[in-house]
Amino acid sequence: MEQTDAVAALSALAHPGRLAVFRLLVKAGPEGLPAGRIAEATGSLSNTLSTNLNILTQAGLARSRRDGRQIIYTADFDVMRGLLTFLMDDCCQGEPAICGPLTGVLTGADCDAKTC
């Protein structure tokens, strides 16, 4: 991941509403959630949610697809892993005692099949 992409992703997540939406999408897994269910779960107004989803999508952290009359949103797990890898790239000069527990997250070893 390039630095400009990382900055865009971190900027998108640096808002309580967008962070809540993104975390909800991560929990939902690859199936994603329709916009209406996201609004209900987060208590967002439709115009605020639309803006937040647009910002997350523009940053590459979320994707959308149409399913009939609904738009389903999902977290982009590849971009999320790329961001985490970027943040950890020079972690502790590769010291396994410090970074070891986090490498499992990046490789998916600590995730279940639904979320990673």
N, C-alpha and C. Protein backbone atom coordinates (compact mmCIF):
# COMPACT_ATOMS: atom_id res chain seq x y z
N MET A 1 0.84 -1.17 0.00
CA MET A 1 0.00 0.00 0.00
C MET A 1 0.89 1.24 0.00
N GLU A 2 0.50 2.19 -0.82
CA GLU A 2 1.23 3.46 -0.88
C GLU A 2 0.83 4.35 0.30
N GLN A 3 1.72 5.25 0.65
CA GLN A 3 1.46 6.14 1.78
C GLN A 3 0.19 6.96 1.57
N THR A 4 -0.04 7.46 0.37
CA THR A 4 -1.23 8.28 0.12
C THR A 4 -2.52 7.47 0.32
N ASP A 5 -2.49 6.18 -0.06
CA ASP A 5 -3.65 5.32 0.15
C ASP A 5 -3.87 5.06 1.65
N ALA A 6 -2.77 4.87 2.38
CA ALA A 6 -2.87 4.65 3.82
C ALA A 6 -3.44 5.89 4.51
N VAL A 7 -2.99 7.05 4.10
CA VAL A 7 -3.49 8.30 4.69
C VAL A 7 -4.98 8.45 4.41
N ALA A 8 -5.41 8.14 3.18
CA ALA A 8 -6.83 8.24 2.85
C ALA A 8 -7.66 7.27 3.69
N ALA A 9 -7.17 6.04 3.86
CA ALA A 9 -7.90 5.05 4.66
C ALA A 9 -7.96 5.47 6.13
N LEU A 10 -6.85 5.91 6.66
CA LEU A 10 -6.83 6.33 8.06
C LEU A 10 -7.70 7.56 8.27
N SER A 11 -7.70 8.46 7.32
CA SER A 11 -8.55 9.65 7.40
C SER A 11 -10.02 9.25 7.40
N ALA A 12 -10.37 8.30 6.56
CA ALA A 12 -11.76 7.83 6.51
C ALA A 12 -12.18 7.20 7.82
N LEU A 13 -11.28 6.51 8.48
CA LEU A 13 -11.59 5.84 9.74
C LEU A 13 -11.52 6.78 10.95
N ALA A 14 -11.01 7.98 10.74
CA ALA A 14 -10.82 8.92 11.85
C ALA A 14 -12.09 9.71 12.15
N HIS A 15 -13.20 9.03 12.16
CA HIS A 15 -14.49 9.63 12.45
C HIS A 15 -15.32 8.56 13.16
N PRO A 16 -15.92 8.89 14.29
CA PRO A 16 -16.64 7.86 15.06
C PRO A 16 -17.72 7.12 14.26
N GLY A 17 -18.47 7.85 13.46
CA GLY A 17 -19.54 7.21 12.68
C GLY A 17 -19.00 6.27 11.62
N ARG A 18 -17.97 6.71 10.90
CA ARG A 18 -17.40 5.86 9.85
C ARG A 18 -16.69 4.66 10.46
N LEU A 19 -16.01 4.86 11.57
CA LEU A 19 -15.35 3.74 12.23
C LEU A 19 -16.38 2.71 12.68
N ALA A 20 -17.50 3.17 13.21
CA ALA A 20 -18.56 2.25 13.64
C ALA A 20 -19.12 1.47 12.44
N VAL A 21 -19.32 2.14 11.34
CA VAL A 21 -19.83 1.48 10.13
C VAL A 21 -18.81 0.46 9.64
N PHE A 22 -17.56 0.84 9.58
CA PHE A 22 -16.53 -0.07 9.09
C PHE A 22 -16.42 -1.31 9.98
N ARG A 23 -16.43 -1.11 11.27
CA ARG A 23 -16.35 -2.25 12.20
C ARG A 23 -17.56 -3.16 12.04
N LEU A 24 -18.73 -2.58 11.81
CA LEU A 24 -19.93 -3.37 11.57
C LEU A 24 -19.79 -4.20 10.29
N LEU A 25 -19.24 -3.58 9.25
CA LEU A 25 -19.04 -4.30 7.99
C LEU A 25 -18.02 -5.43 8.15
N VAL A 26 -16.99 -5.20 8.94
CA VAL A 26 -16.01 -6.26 9.20
C VAL A 26 -16.69 -7.42 9.91
N LYS A 27 -17.51 -7.12 10.91
CA LYS A 27 -18.23 -8.17 11.63
C LYS A 27 -19.19 -8.93 10.72
N ALA A 28 -19.79 -8.23 9.76
CA ALA A 28 -20.75 -8.87 8.85
C ALA A 28 -20.07 -9.85 7.91
N GLY A 29 -18.78 -9.68 7.68
CA GLY A 29 -18.05 -10.60 6.80
C GLY A 29 -18.32 -10.34 5.34
N PRO A 30 -17.95 -11.29 4.50
CA PRO A 30 -18.05 -11.10 3.05
C PRO A 30 -19.48 -10.96 2.53
N GLU A 31 -20.47 -11.41 3.31
CA GLU A 31 -21.86 -11.27 2.87
C GLU A 31 -22.30 -9.82 2.88
N GLY A 32 -21.75 -9.03 3.79
CA GLY A 32 -22.08 -7.62 3.88
C GLY A 32 -23.45 -7.37 4.47
N LEU A 33 -23.85 -6.12 4.41
CA LEU A 33 -25.14 -5.69 4.95
C LEU A 33 -25.78 -4.67 4.03
N PRO A 34 -27.12 -4.69 3.94
CA PRO A 34 -27.79 -3.64 3.20
C PRO A 34 -27.72 -2.32 3.97
N ALA A 35 -27.79 -1.24 3.24
CA ALA A 35 -27.67 0.09 3.85
C ALA A 35 -28.68 0.29 4.97
N GLY A 36 -29.90 -0.19 4.80
CA GLY A 36 -30.93 -0.02 5.83
C GLY A 36 -30.55 -0.68 7.14
N ARG A 37 -29.97 -1.86 7.07
CA ARG A 37 -29.56 -2.55 8.30
C ARG A 37 -28.38 -1.85 8.95
N ILE A 38 -27.50 -1.27 8.13
CA ILE A 38 -26.38 -0.51 8.69
C ILE A 38 -26.91 0.71 9.43
N ALA A 39 -27.87 1.39 8.83
CA ALA A 39 -28.47 2.57 9.47
C ALA A 39 -29.12 2.20 10.79
N GLU A 40 -29.87 1.09 10.81
CA GLU A 40 -30.51 0.65 12.05
C GLU A 40 -29.48 0.32 13.13
N ALA A 41 -28.46 -0.42 12.74
CA ALA A 41 -27.47 -0.87 13.72
C ALA A 41 -26.64 0.27 14.29
N THR A 42 -26.40 1.30 13.48
CA THR A 42 -25.56 2.41 13.93
C THR A 42 -26.35 3.62 14.38
N GLY A 43 -27.66 3.61 14.12
CA GLY A 43 -28.48 4.76 14.47
C GLY A 43 -28.21 5.97 13.61
N SER A 44 -27.75 5.73 12.39
CA SER A 44 -27.40 6.82 11.47
C SER A 44 -28.60 7.30 10.68
N LEU A 45 -28.66 8.58 10.43
CA LEU A 45 -29.63 9.12 9.49
C LEU A 45 -29.19 8.71 8.09
N SER A 46 -30.14 8.58 7.17
CA SER A 46 -29.80 8.07 5.84
C SER A 46 -28.80 8.95 5.09
N ASN A 47 -28.93 10.26 5.19
CA ASN A 47 -27.98 11.12 4.47
C ASN A 47 -26.59 11.07 5.10
N THR A 48 -26.52 10.96 6.42
CA THR A 48 -25.23 10.84 7.09
C THR A 48 -24.58 9.50 6.75
N LEU A 49 -25.37 8.45 6.77
CA LEU A 49 -24.85 7.13 6.44
C LEU A 49 -24.37 7.09 4.99
N SER A 50 -25.12 7.67 4.10
CA SER A 50 -24.73 7.71 2.69
C SER A 50 -23.37 8.40 2.53
N THR A 51 -23.19 9.51 3.21
CA THR A 51 -21.91 10.22 3.16
C THR A 51 -20.79 9.37 3.72
N ASN A 52 -21.03 8.74 4.87
CA ASN A 52 -20.00 7.92 5.50
C ASN A 52 -19.63 6.71 4.63
N LEU A 53 -20.63 6.07 4.04
CA LEU A 53 -20.35 4.93 3.17
C LEU A 53 -19.59 5.36 1.92
N ASN A 54 -19.94 6.53 1.40
CA ASN A 54 -19.23 7.05 0.23
C ASN A 54 -17.77 7.32 0.55
N ILE A 55 -17.49 7.89 1.70
CA ILE A 55 -16.10 8.17 2.10
C ILE A 55 -15.33 6.87 2.30
N LEU A 56 -15.94 5.88 2.95
CA LEU A 56 -15.28 4.59 3.13
C LEU A 56 -15.03 3.91 1.79
N THR A 57 -15.97 4.04 0.87
CA THR A 57 -15.81 3.43 -0.45
C THR A 57 -14.70 4.14 -1.23
N GLN A 58 -14.69 5.46 -1.19
CA GLN A 58 -13.66 6.23 -1.88
C GLN A 58 -12.26 5.90 -1.35
N ALA A 59 -12.17 5.60 -0.06
CA ALA A 59 -10.88 5.25 0.55
C ALA A 59 -10.51 3.79 0.28
N GLY A 60 -11.41 3.03 -0.35
CA GLY A 60 -11.13 1.65 -0.68
C GLY A 60 -11.44 0.67 0.43
N LEU A 61 -11.99 1.14 1.54
CA LEU A 61 -12.25 0.27 2.68
C LEU A 61 -13.57 -0.48 2.57
N ALA A 62 -14.47 -0.02 1.73
CA ALA A 62 -15.77 -0.66 1.56
C ALA A 62 -16.09 -0.77 0.08
N ARG A 63 -16.93 -1.73 -0.22
CA ARG A 63 -17.42 -1.94 -1.58
C ARG A 63 -18.94 -2.05 -1.53
N SER A 64 -19.56 -1.81 -2.66
CA SER A 64 -21.01 -1.96 -2.72
C SER A 64 -21.38 -2.80 -3.93
N ARG A 65 -22.51 -3.47 -3.80
CA ARG A 65 -23.06 -4.23 -4.92
C ARG A 65 -24.58 -4.16 -4.82
N ARG A 66 -25.22 -4.23 -5.95
CA ARG A 66 -26.67 -4.19 -5.98
C ARG A 66 -27.20 -5.61 -5.89
N ASP A 67 -28.21 -5.77 -5.06
CA ASP A 67 -28.91 -7.04 -4.92
C ASP A 67 -30.40 -6.73 -4.99
N GLY A 68 -30.95 -6.81 -6.19
CA GLY A 68 -32.34 -6.40 -6.38
C GLY A 68 -32.47 -4.91 -6.17
N ARG A 69 -33.30 -4.54 -5.21
CA ARG A 69 -33.51 -3.12 -4.92
C ARG A 69 -32.58 -2.60 -3.84
N GLN A 70 -31.82 -3.50 -3.23
CA GLN A 70 -30.94 -3.10 -2.13
C GLN A 70 -29.50 -2.92 -2.60
N ILE A 71 -28.79 -2.07 -1.90
CA ILE A 71 -27.35 -1.96 -2.09
C ILE A 71 -26.71 -2.59 -0.87
N ILE A 72 -25.86 -3.58 -1.12
CA ILE A 72 -25.17 -4.31 -0.07
C ILE A 72 -23.75 -3.78 0.03
N TYR A 73 -23.35 -3.46 1.24
CA TYR A 73 -21.99 -2.96 1.49
C TYR A 73 -21.17 -4.01 2.21
N THR A 74 -19.92 -4.12 1.82
CA THR A 74 -18.99 -5.04 2.47
C THR A 74 -17.68 -4.32 2.73
N ALA A 75 -16.98 -4.77 3.75
CA ALA A 75 -15.62 -4.28 3.99
C ALA A 75 -14.72 -4.92 2.94
N ASP A 76 -13.74 -4.19 2.49
CA ASP A 76 -12.74 -4.75 1.57
C ASP A 76 -11.59 -5.28 2.43
N PHE A 77 -11.60 -6.59 2.66
CA PHE A 77 -10.62 -7.19 3.56
C PHE A 77 -9.20 -7.13 3.02
N ASP A 78 -9.04 -7.15 1.70
CA ASP A 78 -7.70 -7.03 1.13
C ASP A 78 -7.10 -5.67 1.43
N VAL A 79 -7.90 -4.62 1.28
CA VAL A 79 -7.42 -3.27 1.58
C VAL A 79 -7.17 -3.13 3.09
N MET A 80 -8.04 -3.70 3.90
CA MET A 80 -7.84 -3.65 5.35
C MET A 80 -6.52 -4.32 5.74
N ARG A 81 -6.27 -5.51 5.18
CA ARG A 81 -5.00 -6.19 5.46
C ARG A 81 -3.82 -5.39 4.94
N GLY A 82 -3.99 -4.77 3.78
CA GLY A 82 -2.92 -3.94 3.24
C GLY A 82 -2.59 -2.76 4.15
N LEU A 83 -3.63 -2.15 4.72
CA LEU A 83 -3.42 -1.04 5.64
C LEU A 83 -2.71 -1.52 6.90
N LEU A 84 -3.16 -2.64 7.44
CA LEU A 84 -2.50 -3.18 8.64
C LEU A 84 -1.05 -3.55 8.36
N THR A 85 -0.81 -4.13 7.21
CA THR A 85 0.56 -4.48 6.83
C THR A 85 1.41 -3.23 6.70
N PHE A 86 0.86 -2.20 6.06
CA PHE A 86 1.58 -0.93 5.92
C PHE A 86 1.95 -0.36 7.28
N LEU A 87 1.01 -0.40 8.22
CA LEU A 87 1.27 0.15 9.55
C LEU A 87 2.31 -0.67 10.31
N MET A 88 2.37 -1.96 10.03
CA MET A 88 3.27 -2.83 10.77
C MET A 88 4.56 -3.13 10.02
N ASP A 89 4.72 -2.59 8.85
CA ASP A 89 5.85 -2.94 7.99
C ASP A 89 7.19 -2.83 8.69
N ASP A 90 7.40 -1.80 9.44
CA ASP A 90 8.67 -1.61 10.13
C ASP A 90 8.52 -1.77 11.63
N CYS A 91 7.53 -2.53 12.04
CA CYS A 91 7.21 -2.68 13.46
C CYS A 91 8.39 -3.22 14.25
N CYS A 92 8.83 -2.44 15.18
CA CYS A 92 9.81 -2.88 16.17
C CYS A 92 11.03 -3.54 15.54
N GLN A 93 11.36 -3.11 14.35
CA GLN A 93 12.51 -3.65 13.62
C GLN A 93 12.44 -5.17 13.50
N GLY A 94 11.22 -5.69 13.36
CA GLY A 94 11.02 -7.11 13.18
C GLY A 94 11.19 -7.95 14.42
N GLU A 95 11.20 -7.33 15.58
CA GLU A 95 11.39 -8.06 16.84
C GLU A 95 10.18 -8.96 17.11
N PRO A 96 10.36 -10.30 17.01
CA PRO A 96 9.22 -11.20 17.13
C PRO A 96 8.52 -11.15 18.48
N ALA A 97 9.23 -10.86 19.53
CA ALA A 97 8.60 -10.83 20.86
C ALA A 97 7.57 -9.71 20.96
N ILE A 98 7.78 -8.64 20.23
CA ILE A 98 6.88 -7.51 20.29
C ILE A 98 5.78 -7.62 19.22
N CYS A 99 6.18 -7.95 18.01
CA CYS A 99 5.22 -7.97 16.90
C CYS A 99 4.58 -9.33 16.67
N GLY A 100 5.08 -10.36 17.28
CA GLY A 100 4.58 -11.71 17.04
C GLY A 100 3.08 -11.86 17.14
N PRO A 101 2.45 -11.40 18.21
CA PRO A 101 0.99 -11.58 18.32
C PRO A 101 0.22 -10.88 17.20
N LEU A 102 0.76 -9.83 16.67
CA LEU A 102 0.05 -9.09 15.62
C LEU A 102 0.21 -9.72 14.25
N THR A 103 1.26 -10.48 14.03
CA THR A 103 1.45 -11.08 12.71
C THR A 103 0.38 -12.11 12.40
N GLY A 104 -0.16 -12.75 13.43
CA GLY A 104 -1.26 -13.69 13.22
C GLY A 104 -2.48 -13.01 12.64
N VAL A 105 -2.73 -11.78 13.05
CA VAL A 105 -3.85 -11.01 12.52
C VAL A 105 -3.63 -10.73 11.04
N LEU A 106 -2.42 -10.35 10.67
CA LEU A 106 -2.13 -10.01 9.30
C LEU A 106 -2.18 -11.23 8.38
N THR A 107 -1.78 -12.37 8.88
CA THR A 107 -1.79 -13.58 8.05
C THR A 107 -3.12 -14.28 8.06
N GLY A 108 -4.01 -13.86 8.96
CA GLY A 108 -5.32 -14.49 9.05
C GLY A 108 -5.35 -15.68 10.00
N ALA A 109 -4.25 -15.95 10.67
CA ALA A 109 -4.19 -17.11 11.55
C ALA A 109 -5.11 -16.96 12.75
N ASP A 110 -5.38 -15.73 13.16
CA ASP A 110 -6.24 -15.51 14.33
C ASP A 110 -7.68 -15.18 13.94
N CYS A 111 -8.03 -15.35 12.67
CA CYS A 111 -9.36 -15.00 12.21
C CYS A 111 -10.14 -16.27 11.88
N ASP A 112 -11.45 -16.17 11.97
CA ASP A 112 -12.25 -17.30 11.49
C ASP A 112 -12.57 -17.06 10.01
N ALA A 113 -13.05 -18.08 9.37
CA ALA A 113 -13.28 -18.02 7.93
C ALA A 113 -14.28 -16.94 7.53
N LYS A 114 -15.16 -16.56 8.45
CA LYS A 114 -16.18 -15.56 8.12
C LYS A 114 -15.61 -14.16 7.98
N THR A 115 -14.59 -13.81 8.78
CA THR A 115 -14.14 -12.43 8.80
C THR A 115 -12.78 -12.20 8.16
N CYS A 116 -12.07 -13.20 7.78
CA CYS A 116 -10.74 -12.95 7.19
C CYS A 116 -10.52 -13.74 5.93
